[in-house]
Amino acid sequence: MTDELTLHLERRLRARRPEVFAAHVDADELARWWGPKGFTARIVDLDVRVGGRYRIVMQPPDGATFALSGVYRAVDPPARLVYTFAYDDPDPDDRETIVEFSLRDLGDETEVTVEQGPFATEARRALHQQGWTEILDRLEDVTTNRRR
């Protein structure tokens, strides 16, 4: 991805790569950690294959539900997922973006890299950066607690 209004995050998780990948492609597992702090993923529909669609209905702590959806462009288990990302009812400053979720095997740990973009505005990029940071916090909690 280009640097123009894209986000790039890296996180090291204390979980094996197949486990982290499975958490992103199993609907029940994804519902445990998807969304910023305080959000719940009320409905998760995944058809994880190139050309397959996904749709996630989210509930913020205060506010109405909203949905996001997209199409898988690359599925390379257990290393990488690439998919489009669009809100069903977008903000005027939103546009469809591409998410690349990559996993590097470090033995008992996994380095997660998330790239998303390009965004229409810096404000939307910043919103997604905060969201992904909190999402990765939740993924870390789920994968770490599973190992205990």
N, C-alpha and C. Protein backbone atom coordinates (compact mmCIF):
# COMPACT_ATOMS: atom_id res chain seq x y z
N MET A 1 0.85 -1.19 0.00
CA MET A 1 0.00 0.00 0.00
C MET A 1 0.88 1.24 0.00
N THR A 2 0.38 2.28 -0.57
CA THR A 2 1.11 3.54 -0.54
C THR A 2 0.96 4.18 0.82
N ASP A 3 1.81 5.16 1.12
CA ASP A 3 1.74 5.85 2.40
C ASP A 3 0.65 6.91 2.43
N GLU A 4 0.06 7.22 1.29
CA GLU A 4 -0.95 8.27 1.23
C GLU A 4 -2.21 7.87 1.97
N LEU A 5 -2.44 8.48 3.12
CA LEU A 5 -3.61 8.25 3.96
C LEU A 5 -3.90 6.76 4.17
N THR A 6 -2.88 6.04 4.58
CA THR A 6 -3.04 4.65 4.97
C THR A 6 -2.60 4.51 6.42
N LEU A 7 -3.04 3.46 7.05
CA LEU A 7 -2.56 3.18 8.39
C LEU A 7 -1.73 1.92 8.36
N HIS A 8 -0.81 1.84 9.30
CA HIS A 8 0.07 0.67 9.43
C HIS A 8 0.28 0.44 10.92
N LEU A 9 -0.12 -0.74 11.39
CA LEU A 9 0.06 -1.12 12.79
C LEU A 9 0.73 -2.48 12.88
N GLU A 10 1.56 -2.64 13.89
CA GLU A 10 2.18 -3.93 14.15
C GLU A 10 1.99 -4.27 15.62
N ARG A 11 1.79 -5.55 15.87
CA ARG A 11 1.60 -6.02 17.25
C ARG A 11 2.17 -7.42 17.35
N ARG A 12 2.85 -7.70 18.43
CA ARG A 12 3.37 -9.04 18.70
C ARG A 12 2.45 -9.70 19.72
N LEU A 13 1.88 -10.85 19.34
CA LEU A 13 0.96 -11.57 20.20
C LEU A 13 1.60 -12.85 20.71
N ARG A 14 1.30 -13.20 21.96
CA ARG A 14 1.80 -14.45 22.54
C ARG A 14 0.85 -15.58 22.17
N ALA A 15 0.80 -15.89 20.89
CA ALA A 15 -0.04 -16.98 20.37
C ALA A 15 0.56 -17.43 19.04
N ARG A 16 0.36 -18.69 18.73
CA ARG A 16 0.88 -19.23 17.48
C ARG A 16 0.08 -18.70 16.28
N ARG A 17 0.75 -18.59 15.16
CA ARG A 17 0.14 -18.01 13.95
C ARG A 17 -1.16 -18.70 13.54
N PRO A 18 -1.25 -20.05 13.49
CA PRO A 18 -2.54 -20.66 13.10
C PRO A 18 -3.70 -20.28 14.01
N GLU A 19 -3.41 -20.11 15.31
CA GLU A 19 -4.44 -19.73 16.27
C GLU A 19 -4.92 -18.30 16.01
N VAL A 20 -3.99 -17.40 15.71
CA VAL A 20 -4.36 -16.01 15.43
C VAL A 20 -5.14 -15.94 14.12
N PHE A 21 -4.71 -16.69 13.11
CA PHE A 21 -5.42 -16.71 11.83
C PHE A 21 -6.84 -17.23 12.03
N ALA A 22 -6.98 -18.33 12.79
CA ALA A 22 -8.30 -18.92 13.03
C ALA A 22 -9.23 -17.93 13.72
N ALA A 23 -8.67 -17.11 14.61
CA ALA A 23 -9.50 -16.12 15.31
C ALA A 23 -10.08 -15.09 14.35
N HIS A 24 -9.47 -14.93 13.19
CA HIS A 24 -9.94 -13.95 12.21
C HIS A 24 -10.87 -14.55 11.16
N VAL A 25 -10.91 -15.87 11.05
CA VAL A 25 -11.73 -16.48 9.99
C VAL A 25 -12.88 -17.34 10.52
N ASP A 26 -12.96 -17.52 11.83
CA ASP A 26 -14.07 -18.25 12.44
C ASP A 26 -15.03 -17.22 13.02
N ALA A 27 -16.29 -17.26 12.61
CA ALA A 27 -17.26 -16.23 13.00
C ALA A 27 -17.41 -16.12 14.51
N ASP A 28 -17.49 -17.24 15.22
CA ASP A 28 -17.65 -17.20 16.67
C ASP A 28 -16.42 -16.59 17.35
N GLU A 29 -15.24 -16.95 16.85
CA GLU A 29 -14.01 -16.40 17.41
C GLU A 29 -13.88 -14.91 17.12
N LEU A 30 -14.17 -14.52 15.89
CA LEU A 30 -14.06 -13.10 15.52
C LEU A 30 -15.02 -12.25 16.35
N ALA A 31 -16.18 -12.77 16.65
CA ALA A 31 -17.17 -12.03 17.45
C ALA A 31 -16.66 -11.76 18.86
N ARG A 32 -15.71 -12.54 19.34
CA ARG A 32 -15.17 -12.35 20.69
C ARG A 32 -14.28 -11.12 20.80
N TRP A 33 -13.65 -10.69 19.69
CA TRP A 33 -12.67 -9.61 19.78
C TRP A 33 -12.87 -8.48 18.79
N TRP A 34 -13.75 -8.62 17.83
CA TRP A 34 -13.89 -7.60 16.79
C TRP A 34 -14.56 -6.35 17.34
N GLY A 35 -14.01 -5.23 17.01
CA GLY A 35 -14.58 -3.94 17.37
C GLY A 35 -13.76 -3.24 18.43
N PRO A 36 -13.85 -1.91 18.46
CA PRO A 36 -13.16 -1.15 19.50
C PRO A 36 -13.67 -1.50 20.89
N LYS A 37 -12.96 -1.05 21.90
CA LYS A 37 -13.32 -1.31 23.30
C LYS A 37 -14.77 -0.93 23.57
N GLY A 38 -15.50 -1.86 24.19
CA GLY A 38 -16.90 -1.61 24.53
C GLY A 38 -17.89 -2.00 23.44
N PHE A 39 -17.43 -2.23 22.22
CA PHE A 39 -18.30 -2.63 21.12
C PHE A 39 -18.53 -4.14 21.16
N THR A 40 -19.66 -4.58 20.62
CA THR A 40 -19.90 -6.01 20.43
C THR A 40 -20.19 -6.25 18.95
N ALA A 41 -19.76 -7.41 18.49
CA ALA A 41 -20.08 -7.85 17.14
C ALA A 41 -21.30 -8.74 17.26
N ARG A 42 -22.46 -8.15 16.99
CA ARG A 42 -23.73 -8.85 17.21
C ARG A 42 -23.99 -9.93 16.15
N ILE A 43 -23.63 -9.65 14.92
CA ILE A 43 -23.81 -10.62 13.82
C ILE A 43 -22.51 -10.66 13.04
N VAL A 44 -22.00 -11.86 12.81
CA VAL A 44 -20.78 -12.03 12.02
C VAL A 44 -21.06 -13.12 10.99
N ASP A 45 -21.06 -12.74 9.72
CA ASP A 45 -21.22 -13.68 8.61
C ASP A 45 -19.94 -13.64 7.79
N LEU A 46 -19.27 -14.79 7.66
CA LEU A 46 -18.01 -14.88 6.93
C LEU A 46 -18.08 -15.97 5.87
N ASP A 47 -17.64 -15.66 4.67
CA ASP A 47 -17.45 -16.63 3.60
C ASP A 47 -16.01 -16.45 3.15
N VAL A 48 -15.09 -17.07 3.93
CA VAL A 48 -13.67 -16.80 3.79
C VAL A 48 -13.09 -17.60 2.62
N ARG A 49 -13.13 -16.97 1.46
CA ARG A 49 -12.53 -17.50 0.22
C ARG A 49 -12.40 -16.31 -0.72
N VAL A 50 -11.49 -16.39 -1.65
CA VAL A 50 -11.34 -15.29 -2.60
C VAL A 50 -12.68 -15.10 -3.31
N GLY A 51 -13.18 -13.88 -3.28
CA GLY A 51 -14.49 -13.56 -3.85
C GLY A 51 -15.64 -13.71 -2.87
N GLY A 52 -15.37 -14.35 -1.72
CA GLY A 52 -16.41 -14.49 -0.69
C GLY A 52 -16.64 -13.17 0.02
N ARG A 53 -17.82 -13.04 0.59
CA ARG A 53 -18.19 -11.80 1.28
C ARG A 53 -18.21 -12.00 2.79
N TYR A 54 -18.09 -10.90 3.50
CA TYR A 54 -18.29 -10.90 4.94
C TYR A 54 -19.18 -9.72 5.30
N ARG A 55 -19.84 -9.83 6.44
CA ARG A 55 -20.65 -8.72 6.96
C ARG A 55 -20.65 -8.83 8.47
N ILE A 56 -20.39 -7.71 9.14
CA ILE A 56 -20.34 -7.66 10.60
C ILE A 56 -21.26 -6.53 11.06
N VAL A 57 -22.20 -6.87 11.94
CA VAL A 57 -23.08 -5.87 12.54
C VAL A 57 -22.54 -5.59 13.93
N MET A 58 -22.21 -4.32 14.18
CA MET A 58 -21.59 -3.92 15.44
C MET A 58 -22.52 -3.06 16.27
N GLN A 59 -22.35 -3.18 17.59
CA GLN A 59 -23.12 -2.39 18.54
C GLN A 59 -22.15 -1.59 19.40
N PRO A 60 -22.15 -0.26 19.26
CA PRO A 60 -21.32 0.54 20.16
C PRO A 60 -21.94 0.59 21.55
N PRO A 61 -21.16 0.99 22.56
CA PRO A 61 -21.71 1.04 23.92
C PRO A 61 -22.92 1.98 24.02
N ASP A 62 -22.87 3.09 23.33
CA ASP A 62 -23.98 4.05 23.32
C ASP A 62 -24.28 4.40 21.87
N GLY A 63 -25.39 3.89 21.36
CA GLY A 63 -25.71 4.21 19.99
C GLY A 63 -26.33 3.04 19.25
N ALA A 64 -26.71 3.33 18.02
CA ALA A 64 -27.38 2.34 17.18
C ALA A 64 -26.38 1.39 16.53
N THR A 65 -26.86 0.20 16.20
CA THR A 65 -26.02 -0.75 15.49
C THR A 65 -25.68 -0.21 14.11
N PHE A 66 -24.58 -0.69 13.57
CA PHE A 66 -24.20 -0.37 12.20
C PHE A 66 -23.46 -1.57 11.65
N ALA A 67 -23.34 -1.62 10.33
CA ALA A 67 -22.72 -2.78 9.70
C ALA A 67 -21.60 -2.35 8.77
N LEU A 68 -20.66 -3.26 8.62
CA LEU A 68 -19.59 -3.10 7.63
C LEU A 68 -19.49 -4.42 6.88
N SER A 69 -19.00 -4.32 5.67
CA SER A 69 -18.92 -5.52 4.85
C SER A 69 -17.83 -5.36 3.80
N GLY A 70 -17.55 -6.46 3.13
CA GLY A 70 -16.55 -6.42 2.08
C GLY A 70 -16.41 -7.77 1.42
N VAL A 71 -15.39 -7.84 0.57
CA VAL A 71 -15.11 -9.03 -0.23
C VAL A 71 -13.65 -9.42 0.00
N TYR A 72 -13.42 -10.71 0.19
CA TYR A 72 -12.06 -11.21 0.35
C TYR A 72 -11.34 -11.20 -1.00
N ARG A 73 -10.18 -10.58 -1.03
CA ARG A 73 -9.37 -10.52 -2.25
C ARG A 73 -8.23 -11.52 -2.24
N ALA A 74 -7.73 -11.86 -1.05
CA ALA A 74 -6.67 -12.87 -0.91
C ALA A 74 -6.89 -13.59 0.41
N VAL A 75 -6.75 -14.91 0.36
CA VAL A 75 -6.86 -15.75 1.55
C VAL A 75 -5.68 -16.73 1.48
N ASP A 76 -4.72 -16.52 2.37
CA ASP A 76 -3.49 -17.32 2.37
C ASP A 76 -3.25 -17.84 3.78
N PRO A 77 -3.97 -18.93 4.18
CA PRO A 77 -3.84 -19.43 5.55
C PRO A 77 -2.43 -19.98 5.81
N PRO A 78 -1.89 -19.81 6.97
CA PRO A 78 -2.32 -18.96 8.07
C PRO A 78 -1.57 -17.62 8.09
N ALA A 79 -1.23 -17.11 6.91
CA ALA A 79 -0.33 -15.96 6.85
C ALA A 79 -0.98 -14.62 6.53
N ARG A 80 -2.07 -14.61 5.76
CA ARG A 80 -2.52 -13.31 5.24
C ARG A 80 -3.97 -13.36 4.78
N LEU A 81 -4.66 -12.24 5.03
CA LEU A 81 -5.99 -11.98 4.49
C LEU A 81 -5.98 -10.58 3.90
N VAL A 82 -6.61 -10.42 2.76
CA VAL A 82 -6.80 -9.10 2.16
C VAL A 82 -8.27 -9.00 1.81
N TYR A 83 -8.89 -7.90 2.25
CA TYR A 83 -10.32 -7.73 1.98
C TYR A 83 -10.69 -6.26 1.88
N THR A 84 -11.79 -6.02 1.17
CA THR A 84 -12.31 -4.66 1.10
C THR A 84 -13.07 -4.39 2.40
N PHE A 85 -13.23 -3.10 2.70
CA PHE A 85 -13.89 -2.68 3.95
C PHE A 85 -14.74 -1.47 3.62
N ALA A 86 -16.04 -1.59 3.86
CA ALA A 86 -16.95 -0.47 3.61
C ALA A 86 -18.10 -0.53 4.62
N TYR A 87 -18.49 0.63 5.11
CA TYR A 87 -19.66 0.70 5.98
C TYR A 87 -20.91 0.63 5.12
N ASP A 88 -21.95 -0.06 5.62
CA ASP A 88 -23.20 -0.17 4.88
C ASP A 88 -23.86 1.20 4.69
N ASP A 89 -23.73 2.05 5.69
CA ASP A 89 -24.28 3.41 5.61
C ASP A 89 -23.12 4.36 5.90
N PRO A 90 -22.30 4.66 4.89
CA PRO A 90 -21.06 5.37 5.16
C PRO A 90 -21.23 6.85 5.53
N ASP A 91 -20.27 7.33 6.28
CA ASP A 91 -20.11 8.76 6.54
C ASP A 91 -19.77 9.41 5.20
N PRO A 92 -20.13 10.65 4.98
CA PRO A 92 -19.78 11.30 3.70
C PRO A 92 -18.29 11.27 3.37
N ASP A 93 -17.44 11.19 4.41
CA ASP A 93 -15.99 11.14 4.18
C ASP A 93 -15.44 9.72 4.04
N ASP A 94 -16.31 8.71 4.08
CA ASP A 94 -15.86 7.33 3.95
C ASP A 94 -15.84 6.91 2.48
N ARG A 95 -14.95 5.97 2.22
CA ARG A 95 -14.95 5.27 0.95
C ARG A 95 -14.42 3.87 1.21
N GLU A 96 -14.64 2.99 0.29
CA GLU A 96 -14.16 1.62 0.45
C GLU A 96 -12.63 1.65 0.55
N THR A 97 -12.12 0.88 1.51
CA THR A 97 -10.67 0.75 1.67
C THR A 97 -10.30 -0.72 1.55
N ILE A 98 -9.00 -0.97 1.52
CA ILE A 98 -8.47 -2.33 1.48
C ILE A 98 -7.74 -2.58 2.79
N VAL A 99 -8.03 -3.72 3.43
CA VAL A 99 -7.34 -4.14 4.64
C VAL A 99 -6.45 -5.31 4.28
N GLU A 100 -5.20 -5.24 4.74
CA GLU A 100 -4.29 -6.38 4.64
C GLU A 100 -3.90 -6.77 6.05
N PHE A 101 -4.26 -7.98 6.44
CA PHE A 101 -4.01 -8.52 7.77
C PHE A 101 -2.97 -9.62 7.59
N SER A 102 -1.73 -9.36 8.02
CA SER A 102 -0.62 -10.30 7.78
C SER A 102 -0.09 -10.83 9.11
N LEU A 103 0.32 -12.09 9.09
CA LEU A 103 0.83 -12.75 10.29
C LEU A 103 2.20 -13.36 10.00
N ARG A 104 3.18 -12.99 10.82
CA ARG A 104 4.53 -13.54 10.69
C ARG A 104 4.78 -14.49 11.84
N ASP A 105 5.17 -15.71 11.50
CA ASP A 105 5.40 -16.77 12.48
C ASP A 105 6.68 -16.50 13.26
N LEU A 106 6.55 -16.41 14.59
CA LEU A 106 7.70 -16.24 15.47
C LEU A 106 7.74 -17.38 16.49
N GLY A 107 7.33 -18.57 16.08
CA GLY A 107 7.30 -19.72 17.00
C GLY A 107 6.08 -19.66 17.89
N ASP A 108 6.29 -19.41 19.19
CA ASP A 108 5.17 -19.32 20.13
C ASP A 108 4.50 -17.96 20.09
N GLU A 109 5.00 -17.06 19.27
CA GLU A 109 4.42 -15.73 19.12
C GLU A 109 4.15 -15.46 17.65
N THR A 110 3.35 -14.42 17.41
CA THR A 110 2.99 -14.02 16.05
C THR A 110 3.06 -12.51 15.95
N GLU A 111 3.70 -12.04 14.91
CA GLU A 111 3.68 -10.60 14.63
C GLU A 111 2.52 -10.33 13.68
N VAL A 112 1.59 -9.49 14.14
CA VAL A 112 0.42 -9.11 13.35
C VAL A 112 0.69 -7.74 12.74
N THR A 113 0.45 -7.62 11.44
CA THR A 113 0.54 -6.34 10.76
C THR A 113 -0.80 -6.05 10.11
N VAL A 114 -1.31 -4.86 10.36
CA VAL A 114 -2.56 -4.41 9.75
C VAL A 114 -2.25 -3.16 8.94
N GLU A 115 -2.62 -3.21 7.67
CA GLU A 115 -2.54 -2.04 6.81
C GLU A 115 -3.93 -1.80 6.23
N GLN A 116 -4.34 -0.54 6.18
CA GLN A 116 -5.65 -0.21 5.61
C GLN A 116 -5.56 1.13 4.92
N GLY A 117 -6.25 1.23 3.80
CA GLY A 117 -6.32 2.51 3.09
C GLY A 117 -6.67 2.28 1.63
N PRO A 118 -6.59 3.29 0.82
CA PRO A 118 -6.36 4.68 1.23
C PRO A 118 -7.66 5.30 1.74
N PHE A 119 -7.53 6.21 2.70
CA PHE A 119 -8.67 6.91 3.27
C PHE A 119 -8.88 8.24 2.56
N ALA A 120 -10.10 8.73 2.60
CA ALA A 120 -10.44 10.01 1.95
C ALA A 120 -9.91 11.20 2.75
N THR A 121 -9.87 11.04 4.10
CA THR A 121 -9.43 12.15 4.94
C THR A 121 -8.54 11.63 6.07
N GLU A 122 -7.73 12.52 6.61
CA GLU A 122 -6.89 12.18 7.75
C GLU A 122 -7.76 11.81 8.96
N ALA A 123 -8.89 12.48 9.13
CA ALA A 123 -9.77 12.18 10.26
C ALA A 123 -10.28 10.74 10.20
N ARG A 124 -10.62 10.24 9.02
CA ARG A 124 -11.10 8.86 8.89
C ARG A 124 -9.95 7.87 9.13
N ARG A 125 -8.75 8.21 8.65
CA ARG A 125 -7.59 7.35 8.90
C ARG A 125 -7.33 7.26 10.42
N ALA A 126 -7.38 8.40 11.10
CA ALA A 126 -7.14 8.44 12.54
C ALA A 126 -8.20 7.63 13.29
N LEU A 127 -9.46 7.72 12.87
CA LEU A 127 -10.53 6.95 13.49
C LEU A 127 -10.26 5.45 13.37
N HIS A 128 -9.85 5.01 12.19
CA HIS A 128 -9.57 3.59 11.97
C HIS A 128 -8.31 3.17 12.70
N GLN A 129 -7.33 4.04 12.80
CA GLN A 129 -6.11 3.71 13.55
C GLN A 129 -6.47 3.44 15.02
N GLN A 130 -7.30 4.29 15.59
CA GLN A 130 -7.73 4.08 16.98
C GLN A 130 -8.54 2.79 17.09
N GLY A 131 -9.45 2.58 16.14
CA GLY A 131 -10.26 1.36 16.16
C GLY A 131 -9.42 0.10 16.08
N TRP A 132 -8.48 0.05 15.13
CA TRP A 132 -7.62 -1.13 14.98
C TRP A 132 -6.73 -1.33 16.20
N THR A 133 -6.26 -0.24 16.81
CA THR A 133 -5.44 -0.36 18.01
C THR A 133 -6.23 -1.07 19.10
N GLU A 134 -7.47 -0.66 19.30
CA GLU A 134 -8.32 -1.28 20.32
C GLU A 134 -8.72 -2.70 19.93
N ILE A 135 -8.94 -2.94 18.64
CA ILE A 135 -9.26 -4.29 18.16
C ILE A 135 -8.08 -5.22 18.44
N LEU A 136 -6.87 -4.77 18.16
CA LEU A 136 -5.69 -5.61 18.42
C LEU A 136 -5.50 -5.85 19.91
N ASP A 137 -5.84 -4.87 20.74
CA ASP A 137 -5.81 -5.08 22.19
C ASP A 137 -6.74 -6.23 22.57
N ARG A 138 -7.93 -6.21 21.99
CA ARG A 138 -8.92 -7.25 22.31
C ARG A 138 -8.48 -8.61 21.76
N LEU A 139 -7.90 -8.64 20.56
CA LEU A 139 -7.39 -9.89 20.00
C LEU A 139 -6.28 -10.43 20.89
N GLU A 140 -5.42 -9.56 21.37
CA GLU A 140 -4.34 -9.98 22.27
C GLU A 140 -4.92 -10.58 23.55
N ASP A 141 -5.93 -9.94 24.12
CA ASP A 141 -6.57 -10.48 25.33
C ASP A 141 -7.16 -11.86 25.08
N VAL A 142 -7.86 -12.03 23.97
CA VAL A 142 -8.50 -13.32 23.66
C VAL A 142 -7.46 -14.40 23.45
N THR A 143 -6.43 -14.13 22.67
CA THR A 143 -5.44 -15.17 22.39
C THR A 143 -4.57 -15.45 23.60
N THR A 144 -4.27 -14.46 24.40
CA THR A 144 -3.45 -14.67 25.61
C THR A 144 -4.24 -15.45 26.65
N ASN A 145 -5.50 -15.09 26.87
CA ASN A 145 -6.32 -15.79 27.86
C ASN A 145 -6.59 -17.23 27.47
N ARG A 146 -6.63 -17.53 26.18
CA ARG A 146 -6.87 -18.89 25.72
C ARG A 146 -5.70 -19.79 26.11
N ARG A 147 -4.50 -19.22 26.17
CA ARG A 147 -3.30 -20.02 26.46
C ARG A 147 -3.13 -20.29 27.96
N ARG A 148 -3.87 -19.60 28.78
CA ARG A 148 -3.72 -19.78 30.24
C ARG A 148 -4.42 -21.02 30.72
